[in-house]
Amino acid sequence: MISTLASIKPKIEKYITMICALYDVDVDICDNDLIRIAGTGVNNTMIGEHLASGRLSKKAMEERKCIIAKAPMEEEMCIGCINRNICIERCGMTFPIIYDDIVLGAINITALSEAQEAELINEQDKFVLFMQSICDLITLTVREHENFLIQSANLKIQEKLINVINDGVLIIDENNRPEFINRRGTKILGYTLGQIQYLTSIRQFSIKPLNLYDNDLSSCRITVRGETRILTGYFHDAGNLPNGKNSRIFVFFDMKSPEKELHYSDGFKVKGFDNLIGQSSVFLDMLAKCKAASEHLDPVLLC
């Protein structure tokens, strides 16, 4: 399973760039399992691998504070390290990354030259404050990422619930542009959300609410490629969404022509099944099937 820090790796790499832009140091970031997430120099070629030693990182995470090793070869914590005899580090600092009281990992800062070592030691207090700010930025990014995941999960759940509703659901923004349509709505209108949004962009699809009273039977005029239909249903205020838009939800269950009646070209109006005349068994069977079909919104072709 991917670790929390690994899930925000692109942002972590940007923070490493910030550090290196201000200080000439090597950077290595690992998660709480001592798996390398990102790094500079040779560390960048071993992403996803377990730290060879990780003693400083482990100690910083266990003690939940910054650990400074000015002379790694002489530090007690380095005794017994398998890399002690070949270690080229002159000075090291490790900062734990703590989010909501949980240790997520650590940032290792290493000086490999006398110049790097002098810079770290001379500006130690300033550097520590800077790195604490970097750790805060990382934890803030983690919080934003978790909030995004929660919001995405909630939206998926809401979409699944909306798609099992028998009625059509259409969400429009404050400018009457479509933002969402469920499966039933797609079936009624005959267009997917992507198709509707494209037709809207070329002015071949428009929506005009005829009234906006919440919880009252309302209607909405839909014009697609020059053909106008009326949707009947209920409007509900969705409030201010995260994108800053004030959207409205329209739950509809019927679609008909503006005149609310069907017309033949010769002007004859069909108002119901009572106007159909016939007594044969074939006709009566057809009539029964049409009445059954009329309970649904699926189109029927009668020949």
C-alpha atoms as a PDB file:
ATOM      1  CA  MET A   1       0.000   0.000   0.000  1.00  0.00           C
ATOM      2  CA  ILE A   2       1.328   3.425  -0.946  1.00  0.00           C
ATOM      3  CA  SER A   3       2.393   5.585   1.995  1.00  0.00           C
ATOM      4  CA  THR A   4       0.931   9.007   2.742  1.00  0.00           C
ATOM      5  CA  LEU A   5       4.107  10.828   1.712  1.00  0.00           C
ATOM      6  CA  ALA A   6       4.419   8.762  -1.465  1.00  0.00           C
ATOM      7  CA  SER A   7       0.916   9.884  -2.468  1.00  0.00           C
ATOM      8  CA  ILE A   8       2.087  13.513  -2.583  1.00  0.00           C
ATOM      9  CA  LYS A   9       5.492  12.828  -4.122  1.00  0.00           C
ATOM     10  CA  PRO A  10       5.212  15.550  -6.833  1.00  0.00           C
ATOM     11  CA  LYS A  11       4.690  18.218  -4.160  1.00  0.00           C
ATOM     12  CA  ILE A  12       7.522  16.828  -2.034  1.00  0.00           C
ATOM     13  CA  GLU A  13       9.864  17.083  -5.007  1.00  0.00           C
ATOM     14  CA  LYS A  14       8.953  20.772  -5.310  1.00  0.00           C
ATOM     15  CA  TYR A  15       9.801  21.333  -1.653  1.00  0.00           C
ATOM     16  CA  ILE A  16      13.178  19.671  -2.226  1.00  0.00           C
ATOM     17  CA  THR A  17      13.770  22.109  -5.076  1.00  0.00           C
ATOM     18  CA  MET A  18      12.994  24.986  -2.685  1.00  0.00           C
ATOM     19  CA  ILE A  19      15.524  23.706  -0.156  1.00  0.00           C
ATOM     20  CA  CYS A  20      18.274  23.248  -2.724  1.00  0.00           C
ATOM     21  CA  ALA A  21      17.586  26.666  -4.236  1.00  0.00           C
ATOM     22  CA  LEU A  22      18.516  28.307  -0.924  1.00  0.00           C
ATOM     23  CA  TYR A  23      21.092  25.916   0.502  1.00  0.00           C
ATOM     24  CA  ASP A  24      23.854  23.832  -1.020  1.00  0.00           C
ATOM     25  CA  VAL A  25      22.955  20.521   0.658  1.00  0.00           C
ATOM     26  CA  ASP A  26      21.887  16.988  -0.198  1.00  0.00           C
ATOM     27  CA  VAL A  27      18.269  16.102   0.644  1.00  0.00           C
ATOM     28  CA  ASP A  28      16.739  12.679   1.289  1.00  0.00           C
ATOM     29  CA  ILE A  29      13.097  12.124   2.340  1.00  0.00           C
ATOM     30  CA  CYS A  30      11.736   8.810   3.595  1.00  0.00           C
ATOM     31  CA  ASP A  31       8.402   7.602   4.964  1.00  0.00           C
ATOM     32  CA  ASN A  32       7.868   6.025   8.390  1.00  0.00           C
ATOM     33  CA  ASP A  33       8.955   2.645   7.008  1.00  0.00           C
ATOM     34  CA  LEU A  34      12.296   4.163   5.965  1.00  0.00           C
ATOM     35  CA  ILE A  35      11.380   3.860   2.277  1.00  0.00           C
ATOM     36  CA  ARG A  36      12.956   6.641   0.209  1.00  0.00           C
ATOM     37  CA  ILE A  37      10.307   8.926  -1.319  1.00  0.00           C
ATOM     38  CA  ALA A  38      12.486  11.539  -2.986  1.00  0.00           C
ATOM     39  CA  GLY A  39      16.018  12.846  -2.889  1.00  0.00           C
ATOM     40  CA  THR A  40      18.868  14.641  -4.618  1.00  0.00           C
ATOM     41  CA  GLY A  41      22.103  13.365  -6.087  1.00  0.00           C
ATOM     42  CA  VAL A  42      22.670   9.640  -5.729  1.00  0.00           C
ATOM     43  CA  ASN A  43      19.581   9.405  -3.489  1.00  0.00           C
ATOM     44  CA  ASN A  44      17.416  10.240  -6.492  1.00  0.00           C
ATOM     45  CA  THR A  45      18.475   7.005  -8.169  1.00  0.00           C
ATOM     46  CA  MET A  46      17.196   4.863  -5.306  1.00  0.00           C
ATOM     47  CA  ILE A  47      13.590   6.023  -4.978  1.00  0.00           C
ATOM     48  CA  GLY A  48      11.345   3.358  -3.484  1.00  0.00           C
ATOM     49  CA  GLU A  49      14.227   1.543  -1.827  1.00  0.00           C
ATOM     50  CA  HIS A  50      14.791   1.044   1.886  1.00  0.00           C
ATOM     51  CA  LEU A  51      17.402   3.354   3.435  1.00  0.00           C
ATOM     52  CA  ALA A  52      20.710   1.515   3.811  1.00  0.00           C
ATOM     53  CA  SER A  53      21.068   2.650   7.428  1.00  0.00           C
ATOM     54  CA  GLY A  54      18.430   5.218   8.353  1.00  0.00           C
ATOM     55  CA  ARG A  55      19.673   5.558  11.944  1.00  0.00           C
ATOM     56  CA  LEU A  56      19.283   9.340  12.031  1.00  0.00           C
ATOM     57  CA  SER A  57      15.821   9.143  10.436  1.00  0.00           C
ATOM     58  CA  LYS A  58      14.678   6.436  12.823  1.00  0.00           C
ATOM     59  CA  LYS A  59      15.973   8.337  15.864  1.00  0.00           C
ATOM     60  CA  ALA A  60      14.316  11.589  14.752  1.00  0.00           C
ATOM     61  CA  MET A  61      10.986   9.819  14.220  1.00  0.00           C
ATOM     62  CA  GLU A  62      11.200   7.965  17.535  1.00  0.00           C
ATOM     63  CA  GLU A  63      12.098  11.100  19.530  1.00  0.00           C
ATOM     64  CA  ARG A  64       9.805  13.273  17.357  1.00  0.00           C
ATOM     65  CA  LYS A  65      12.346  16.089  17.169  1.00  0.00           C
ATOM     66  CA  CYS A  66      15.196  17.398  15.044  1.00  0.00           C
ATOM     67  CA  ILE A  67      18.412  15.385  15.326  1.00  0.00           C
ATOM     68  CA  ILE A  68      21.734  17.047  14.496  1.00  0.00           C
ATOM     69  CA  ALA A  69      24.915  15.055  13.931  1.00  0.00           C
ATOM     70  CA  LYS A  70      27.853  17.426  13.487  1.00  0.00           C
ATOM     71  CA  ALA A  71      30.411  14.591  13.384  1.00  0.00           C
ATOM     72  CA  PRO A  72      28.720  11.354  12.254  1.00  0.00           C
ATOM     73  CA  MET A  73      31.881   9.294  12.683  1.00  0.00           C
ATOM     74  CA  GLU A  74      31.970  10.225  16.357  1.00  0.00           C
ATOM     75  CA  GLU A  75      28.229  10.078  17.129  1.00  0.00           C
ATOM     76  CA  GLU A  76      27.091   7.307  19.470  1.00  0.00           C
ATOM     77  CA  MET A  77      24.036   6.653  17.315  1.00  0.00           C
ATOM     78  CA  CYS A  78      26.296   5.857  14.367  1.00  0.00           C
ATOM     79  CA  ILE A  79      28.204   3.136  16.181  1.00  0.00           C
ATOM     80  CA  GLY A  80      27.380  -0.196  14.605  1.00  0.00           C
ATOM     81  CA  CYS A  81      26.141   1.343  11.330  1.00  0.00           C
ATOM     82  CA  ILE A  82      27.068  -0.890   8.397  1.00  0.00           C
ATOM     83  CA  ASN A  83      28.115   2.178   6.402  1.00  0.00           C
ATOM     84  CA  ARG A  84      30.180   3.802   9.156  1.00  0.00           C
ATOM     85  CA  ASN A  85      33.552   3.012   7.629  1.00  0.00           C
ATOM     86  CA  ILE A  86      32.602   4.289   4.177  1.00  0.00           C
ATOM     87  CA  CYS A  87      30.359   7.184   5.237  1.00  0.00           C
ATOM     88  CA  ILE A  88      31.309  10.479   3.568  1.00  0.00           C
ATOM     89  CA  GLU A  89      28.835  12.647   5.490  1.00  0.00           C
ATOM     90  CA  ARG A  90      30.458  15.522   7.339  1.00  0.00           C
ATOM     91  CA  CYS A  91      27.310  16.888   8.982  1.00  0.00           C
ATOM     92  CA  GLY A  92      23.695  15.798   9.072  1.00  0.00           C
ATOM     93  CA  MET A  93      20.323  17.054  10.243  1.00  0.00           C
ATOM     94  CA  THR A  94      17.085  15.073  10.299  1.00  0.00           C
ATOM     95  CA  PHE A  95      13.601  16.528  10.775  1.00  0.00           C
ATOM     96  CA  PRO A  96      10.539  14.365  11.526  1.00  0.00           C
ATOM     97  CA  ILE A  97       7.352  15.010   9.541  1.00  0.00           C
ATOM     98  CA  ILE A  98       4.439  14.847  11.983  1.00  0.00           C
ATOM     99  CA  TYR A  99       0.804  15.129  10.923  1.00  0.00           C
ATOM    100  CA  ASP A 100      -2.019  15.050  13.482  1.00  0.00           C
ATOM    101  CA  ASP A 101       0.382  13.515  16.009  1.00  0.00           C
ATOM    102  CA  ILE A 102       1.337  10.757  13.558  1.00  0.00           C
ATOM    103  CA  VAL A 103       4.917  10.513  12.298  1.00  0.00           C
ATOM    104  CA  LEU A 104       4.779  10.209   8.515  1.00  0.00           C
ATOM    105  CA  GLY A 105       8.493  10.223   7.762  1.00  0.00           C
ATOM    106  CA  ALA A 106      11.640  12.317   7.941  1.00  0.00           C
ATOM    107  CA  ILE A 107      13.744  14.764   5.941  1.00  0.00           C
ATOM    108  CA  ASN A 108      17.493  14.137   5.973  1.00  0.00           C
ATOM    109  CA  ILE A 109      19.814  17.044   5.211  1.00  0.00           C
ATOM    110  CA  THR A 110      23.435  16.125   4.548  1.00  0.00           C
ATOM    111  CA  ALA A 111      26.644  18.094   4.053  1.00  0.00           C
ATOM    112  CA  LEU A 112      29.139  16.182   1.948  1.00  0.00           C
ATOM    113  CA  SER A 113      31.795  18.881   1.660  1.00  0.00           C
ATOM    114  CA  GLU A 114      33.554  21.340   3.963  1.00  0.00           C
ATOM    115  CA  ALA A 115      31.712  24.232   2.304  1.00  0.00           C
ATOM    116  CA  GLN A 116      28.297  22.596   2.859  1.00  0.00           C
ATOM    117  CA  GLU A 117      29.241  21.738   6.433  1.00  0.00           C
ATOM    118  CA  ALA A 118      30.321  25.321   7.184  1.00  0.00           C
ATOM    119  CA  GLU A 119      27.089  26.722   5.758  1.00  0.00           C
ATOM    120  CA  LEU A 120      24.913  24.397   7.862  1.00  0.00           C
ATOM    121  CA  ILE A 121      26.838  25.038  11.089  1.00  0.00           C
ATOM    122  CA  ASN A 122      27.063  28.827  10.614  1.00  0.00           C
ATOM    123  CA  GLU A 123      23.349  29.155   9.833  1.00  0.00           C
ATOM    124  CA  GLN A 124      22.084  26.322  12.004  1.00  0.00           C
ATOM    125  CA  ASP A 125      19.367  28.234  13.862  1.00  0.00           C
ATOM    126  CA  LYS A 126      18.105  29.904  10.694  1.00  0.00           C
ATOM    127  CA  PHE A 127      18.187  26.619   8.793  1.00  0.00           C
ATOM    128  CA  VAL A 128      16.290  24.744  11.513  1.00  0.00           C
ATOM    129  CA  LEU A 129      13.473  27.334  11.406  1.00  0.00           C
ATOM    130  CA  PHE A 130      13.406  27.098   7.612  1.00  0.00           C
ATOM    131  CA  MET A 131      13.167  23.305   7.671  1.00  0.00           C
ATOM    132  CA  GLN A 132      10.403  23.391  10.269  1.00  0.00           C
ATOM    133  CA  SER A 133       8.460  25.581   7.838  1.00  0.00           C
ATOM    134  CA  ILE A 134       9.079  23.028   5.074  1.00  0.00           C
ATOM    135  CA  CYS A 135       7.753  20.268   7.351  1.00  0.00           C
ATOM    136  CA  ASP A 136       4.664  22.404   8.036  1.00  0.00           C
ATOM    137  CA  LEU A 137       4.126  22.851   4.290  1.00  0.00           C
ATOM    138  CA  ILE A 138       4.343  19.101   3.774  1.00  0.00           C
ATOM    139  CA  THR A 139       1.780  18.389   6.504  1.00  0.00           C
ATOM    140  CA  LEU A 140      -0.494  21.071   5.040  1.00  0.00           C
ATOM    141  CA  THR A 141      -0.214  19.370   1.656  1.00  0.00           C
ATOM    142  CA  VAL A 142      -1.091  16.045   3.288  1.00  0.00           C
ATOM    143  CA  ARG A 143      -4.216  17.596   4.827  1.00  0.00           C
ATOM    144  CA  GLU A 144      -5.281  19.077   1.496  1.00  0.00           C
ATOM    145  CA  HIS A 145      -4.715  15.730  -0.215  1.00  0.00           C
ATOM    146  CA  GLU A 146      -6.774  13.861   2.379  1.00  0.00           C
ATOM    147  CA  ASN A 147      -9.576  16.420   2.123  1.00  0.00           C
ATOM    148  CA  PHE A 148      -9.513  15.991  -1.646  1.00  0.00           C
ATOM    149  CA  LEU A 149      -9.733  12.196  -1.314  1.00  0.00           C
ATOM    150  CA  ILE A 150     -12.633  12.489   1.140  1.00  0.00           C
ATOM    151  CA  GLN A 151     -14.452  14.932  -1.111  1.00  0.00           C
ATOM    152  CA  SER A 152     -13.862  12.722  -4.153  1.00  0.00           C
ATOM    153  CA  ALA A 153     -15.162   9.679  -2.270  1.00  0.00           C
ATOM    154  CA  ASN A 154     -18.253  11.595  -1.151  1.00  0.00           C
ATOM    155  CA  LEU A 155     -18.901  12.762  -4.696  1.00  0.00           C
ATOM    156  CA  LYS A 156     -18.624   9.189  -5.987  1.00  0.00           C
ATOM    157  CA  ILE A 157     -21.088   7.996  -3.340  1.00  0.00           C
ATOM    158  CA  GLN A 158     -23.476  10.843  -4.159  1.00  0.00           C
ATOM    159  CA  GLU A 159     -23.209  10.088  -7.861  1.00  0.00           C
ATOM    160  CA  LYS A 160     -24.000   6.425  -7.265  1.00  0.00           C
ATOM    161  CA  LEU A 161     -27.053   7.392  -5.192  1.00  0.00           C
ATOM    162  CA  ILE A 162     -28.211   9.872  -7.816  1.00  0.00           C
ATOM    163  CA  ASN A 163     -27.837   7.281 -10.561  1.00  0.00           C
ATOM    164  CA  VAL A 164     -30.194   4.848  -8.856  1.00  0.00           C
ATOM    165  CA  ILE A 165     -32.969   7.452  -8.686  1.00  0.00           C
ATOM    166  CA  ASN A 166     -35.776   6.690 -11.128  1.00  0.00           C
ATOM    167  CA  ASP A 167     -36.162  10.366 -12.024  1.00  0.00           C
ATOM    168  CA  GLY A 168     -33.781  12.463 -14.088  1.00  0.00           C
ATOM    169  CA  VAL A 169     -31.364  14.699 -12.184  1.00  0.00           C
ATOM    170  CA  LEU A 170     -29.812  17.747 -13.822  1.00  0.00           C
ATOM    171  CA  ILE A 171     -27.501  20.191 -12.030  1.00  0.00           C
ATOM    172  CA  ILE A 172     -27.090  23.639 -13.587  1.00  0.00           C
ATOM    173  CA  ASP A 173     -24.901  26.534 -12.479  1.00  0.00           C
ATOM    174  CA  GLU A 174     -25.945  30.140 -11.921  1.00  0.00           C
ATOM    175  CA  ASN A 175     -25.652  30.771 -15.680  1.00  0.00           C
ATOM    176  CA  ASN A 176     -27.882  27.785 -16.500  1.00  0.00           C
ATOM    177  CA  ARG A 177     -24.961  25.729 -17.815  1.00  0.00           C
ATOM    178  CA  PRO A 178     -25.196  21.951 -17.188  1.00  0.00           C
ATOM    179  CA  GLU A 179     -22.740  20.528 -14.638  1.00  0.00           C
ATOM    180  CA  PHE A 180     -24.130  17.033 -14.056  1.00  0.00           C
ATOM    181  CA  ILE A 181     -26.794  14.686 -15.353  1.00  0.00           C
ATOM    182  CA  ASN A 182     -27.565  11.205 -14.038  1.00  0.00           C
ATOM    183  CA  ARG A 183     -28.137   8.083 -16.124  1.00  0.00           C
ATOM    184  CA  ARG A 184     -31.912   8.435 -16.082  1.00  0.00           C
ATOM    185  CA  GLY A 185     -31.635  12.051 -17.232  1.00  0.00           C
ATOM    186  CA  THR A 186     -29.305  10.998 -20.034  1.00  0.00           C
ATOM    187  CA  LYS A 187     -31.853   8.421 -21.141  1.00  0.00           C
ATOM    188  CA  ILE A 188     -34.708  10.934 -21.104  1.00  0.00           C
ATOM    189  CA  LEU A 189     -32.834  13.673 -22.973  1.00  0.00           C
ATOM    190  CA  GLY A 190     -30.892  11.313 -25.224  1.00  0.00           C
ATOM    191  CA  TYR A 191     -27.568  13.055 -24.574  1.00  0.00           C
ATOM    192  CA  THR A 192     -24.649  12.501 -22.205  1.00  0.00           C
ATOM    193  CA  LEU A 193     -23.189  15.293 -20.090  1.00  0.00           C
ATOM    194  CA  GLY A 194     -20.200  15.634 -22.432  1.00  0.00           C
ATOM    195  CA  GLN A 195     -22.495  15.944 -25.446  1.00  0.00           C
ATOM    196  CA  ILE A 196     -24.713  18.465 -23.668  1.00  0.00           C
ATOM    197  CA  GLN A 197     -21.747  20.597 -22.621  1.00  0.00           C
ATOM    198  CA  TYR A 198     -20.362  20.521 -26.166  1.00  0.00           C
ATOM    199  CA  LEU A 199     -23.742  21.486 -27.652  1.00  0.00           C
ATOM    200  CA  THR A 200     -23.953  24.283 -25.077  1.00  0.00           C
ATOM    201  CA  SER A 201     -20.548  25.611 -26.160  1.00  0.00           C
ATOM    202  CA  ILE A 202     -21.730  25.838 -29.800  1.00  0.00           C
ATOM    203  CA  ARG A 203     -25.106  27.260 -28.755  1.00  0.00           C
ATOM    204  CA  GLN A 204     -27.090  24.201 -29.800  1.00  0.00           C
ATOM    205  CA  PHE A 205     -28.301  23.423 -26.288  1.00  0.00           C
ATOM    206  CA  SER A 206     -29.954  25.801 -23.854  1.00  0.00           C
ATOM    207  CA  ILE A 207     -31.822  25.533 -20.569  1.00  0.00           C
ATOM    208  CA  LYS A 208     -34.296  28.089 -19.300  1.00  0.00           C
ATOM    209  CA  PRO A 209     -36.036  27.495 -15.953  1.00  0.00           C
ATOM    210  CA  LEU A 210     -39.620  28.719 -16.199  1.00  0.00           C
ATOM    211  CA  ASN A 211     -39.864  29.082 -12.427  1.00  0.00           C
ATOM    212  CA  LEU A 212     -37.433  28.613  -9.527  1.00  0.00           C
ATOM    213  CA  TYR A 213     -39.549  27.758  -6.515  1.00  0.00           C
ATOM    214  CA  ASP A 214     -37.963  25.121  -4.313  1.00  0.00           C
ATOM    215  CA  ASN A 215     -40.090  22.048  -3.603  1.00  0.00           C
ATOM    216  CA  ASP A 216     -42.895  23.250  -5.920  1.00  0.00           C
ATOM    217  CA  LEU A 217     -43.737  21.613  -9.227  1.00  0.00           C
ATOM    218  CA  SER A 218     -41.658  23.477 -11.772  1.00  0.00           C
ATOM    219  CA  SER A 219     -40.751  23.312 -15.417  1.00  0.00           C
ATOM    220  CA  CYS A 220     -37.699  23.919 -17.501  1.00  0.00           C
ATOM    221  CA  ARG A 221     -37.506  24.690 -21.228  1.00  0.00           C
ATOM    222  CA  ILE A 222     -34.821  22.651 -23.019  1.00  0.00           C
ATOM    223  CA  THR A 223     -33.831  23.554 -26.574  1.00  0.00           C
ATOM    224  CA  VAL A 224     -31.622  21.072 -28.429  1.00  0.00           C
ATOM    225  CA  ARG A 225     -30.602  21.710 -32.045  1.00  0.00           C
ATOM    226  CA  GLY A 226     -33.590  24.013 -32.483  1.00  0.00           C
ATOM    227  CA  GLU A 227     -36.111  21.572 -31.001  1.00  0.00           C
ATOM    228  CA  THR A 228     -37.808  22.661 -27.782  1.00  0.00           C
ATOM    229  CA  ARG A 229     -39.136  20.423 -25.021  1.00  0.00           C
ATOM    230  CA  ILE A 230     -40.458  21.063 -21.523  1.00  0.00           C
ATOM    231  CA  LEU A 231     -39.132  19.172 -18.494  1.00  0.00           C
ATOM    232  CA  THR A 232     -41.375  18.938 -15.468  1.00  0.00           C
ATOM    233  CA  GLY A 233     -40.061  18.403 -11.948  1.00  0.00           C
ATOM    234  CA  TYR A 234     -38.710  20.120  -8.850  1.00  0.00           C
ATOM    235  CA  PHE A 235     -35.889  22.610  -8.277  1.00  0.00           C
ATOM    236  CA  HIS A 236     -33.642  22.408  -5.227  1.00  0.00           C
ATOM    237  CA  ASP A 237     -30.957  24.904  -4.244  1.00  0.00           C
ATOM    238  CA  ALA A 238     -27.561  23.163  -4.043  1.00  0.00           C
ATOM    239  CA  GLY A 239     -25.955  26.160  -2.318  1.00  0.00           C
ATOM    240  CA  ASN A 240     -22.389  27.324  -2.827  1.00  0.00           C
ATOM    241  CA  LEU A 241     -20.240  24.469  -4.086  1.00  0.00           C
ATOM    242  CA  PRO A 242     -16.441  24.198  -3.523  1.00  0.00           C
ATOM    243  CA  ASN A 243     -15.873  25.717  -6.977  1.00  0.00           C
ATOM    244  CA  GLY A 244     -17.604  28.900  -5.794  1.00  0.00           C
ATOM    245  CA  LYS A 245     -20.642  28.432  -8.020  1.00  0.00           C
ATOM    246  CA  ASN A 246     -24.213  28.659  -6.797  1.00  0.00           C
ATOM    247  CA  SER A 247     -25.834  25.670  -8.487  1.00  0.00           C
ATOM    248  CA  ARG A 248     -29.366  24.319  -8.602  1.00  0.00           C
ATOM    249  CA  ILE A 249     -30.583  20.731  -8.784  1.00  0.00           C
ATOM    250  CA  PHE A 250     -33.517  19.932 -11.066  1.00  0.00           C
ATOM    251  CA  VAL A 251     -35.199  16.566 -10.504  1.00  0.00           C
ATOM    252  CA  PHE A 252     -37.447  15.896 -13.489  1.00  0.00           C
ATOM    253  CA  PHE A 253     -39.721  13.053 -14.517  1.00  0.00           C
ATOM    254  CA  ASP A 254     -41.454  14.138 -17.687  1.00  0.00           C
ATOM    255  CA  MET A 255     -40.649  15.607 -21.083  1.00  0.00           C
ATOM    256  CA  LYS A 256     -43.188  16.919 -23.545  1.00  0.00           C
ATOM    257  CA  SER A 257     -43.696  19.495 -26.269  1.00  0.00           C
ATOM    258  CA  PRO A 258     -44.428  23.098 -25.206  1.00  0.00           C
ATOM    259  CA  GLU A 259     -48.052  22.702 -26.262  1.00  0.00           C
ATOM    260  CA  LYS A 260     -48.283  19.620 -23.951  1.00  0.00           C
ATOM    261  CA  GLU A 261     -50.003  17.739 -26.792  1.00  0.00           C
ATOM    262  CA  LEU A 262     -48.963  15.749 -29.836  1.00  0.00           C
ATOM    263  CA  HIS A 263     -50.016  17.057 -33.260  1.00  0.00           C
ATOM    264  CA  TYR A 264     -50.378  15.411 -36.599  1.00  0.00           C
ATOM    265  CA  SER A 265     -49.368  17.461 -39.631  1.00  0.00           C
ATOM    266  CA  ASP A 266     -53.003  17.823 -40.720  1.00  0.00           C
ATOM    267  CA  GLY A 267     -53.921  19.483 -37.412  1.00  0.00           C
ATOM    268  CA  PHE A 268     -55.650  16.510 -35.837  1.00  0.00           C
ATOM    269  CA  LYS A 269     -54.910  16.424 -32.079  1.00  0.00           C
ATOM    270  CA  VAL A 270     -54.476  13.167 -30.215  1.00  0.00           C
ATOM    271  CA  LYS A 271     -55.517  13.573 -26.585  1.00  0.00           C
ATOM    272  CA  GLY A 272     -55.583   9.969 -25.460  1.00  0.00           C
ATOM    273  CA  PHE A 273     -56.340   6.365 -26.283  1.00  0.00           C
ATOM    274  CA  ASP A 274     -60.099   7.056 -26.434  1.00  0.00           C
ATOM    275  CA  ASN A 275     -59.608   8.794 -29.793  1.00  0.00           C
ATOM    276  CA  LEU A 276     -58.227   5.599 -31.341  1.00  0.00           C
ATOM    277  CA  ILE A 277     -61.008   3.636 -33.036  1.00  0.00           C
ATOM    278  CA  GLY A 278     -60.958  -0.088 -33.743  1.00  0.00           C
ATOM    279  CA  GLN A 279     -62.414  -3.406 -32.533  1.00  0.00           C
ATOM    280  CA  SER A 280     -60.253  -6.116 -34.100  1.00  0.00           C
ATOM    281  CA  SER A 281     -58.268  -8.438 -31.853  1.00  0.00           C
ATOM    282  CA  VAL A 282     -55.001  -7.197 -33.388  1.00  0.00           C
ATOM    283  CA  PHE A 283     -55.963  -3.569 -32.700  1.00  0.00           C
ATOM    284  CA  LEU A 284     -57.065  -4.261 -29.127  1.00  0.00           C
ATOM    285  CA  ASP A 285     -53.851  -6.189 -28.439  1.00  0.00           C
ATOM    286  CA  MET A 286     -51.848  -3.267 -29.834  1.00  0.00           C
ATOM    287  CA  LEU A 287     -53.844  -0.825 -27.724  1.00  0.00           C
ATOM    288  CA  ALA A 288     -53.169  -2.788 -24.540  1.00  0.00           C
ATOM    289  CA  LYS A 289     -49.443  -2.831 -25.276  1.00  0.00           C
ATOM    290  CA  CYS A 290     -49.428   0.925 -25.952  1.00  0.00           C
ATOM    291  CA  LYS A 291     -51.212   1.626 -22.671  1.00  0.00           C
ATOM    292  CA  ALA A 292     -48.632  -0.458 -20.824  1.00  0.00           C
ATOM    293  CA  ALA A 293     -45.804   1.359 -22.626  1.00  0.00           C
ATOM    294  CA  SER A 294     -47.317   4.741 -21.754  1.00  0.00           C
ATOM    295  CA  GLU A 295     -46.420   4.173 -18.114  1.00  0.00           C
ATOM    296  CA  HIS A 296     -42.766   4.725 -19.056  1.00  0.00           C
ATOM    297  CA  LEU A 297     -40.788   7.458 -20.815  1.00  0.00           C
ATOM    298  CA  ASP A 298     -39.367   5.152 -23.486  1.00  0.00           C
ATOM    299  CA  PRO A 299     -40.307   6.180 -27.057  1.00  0.00           C
ATOM    300  CA  VAL A 300     -42.815   3.974 -28.926  1.00  0.00           C
ATOM    301  CA  LEU A 301     -43.227   3.705 -32.699  1.00  0.00           C
ATOM    302  CA  LEU A 302     -46.731   2.617 -33.778  1.00  0.00           C
ATOM    303  CA  CYS A 303     -47.029   1.342 -37.368  1.00  0.00           C
END
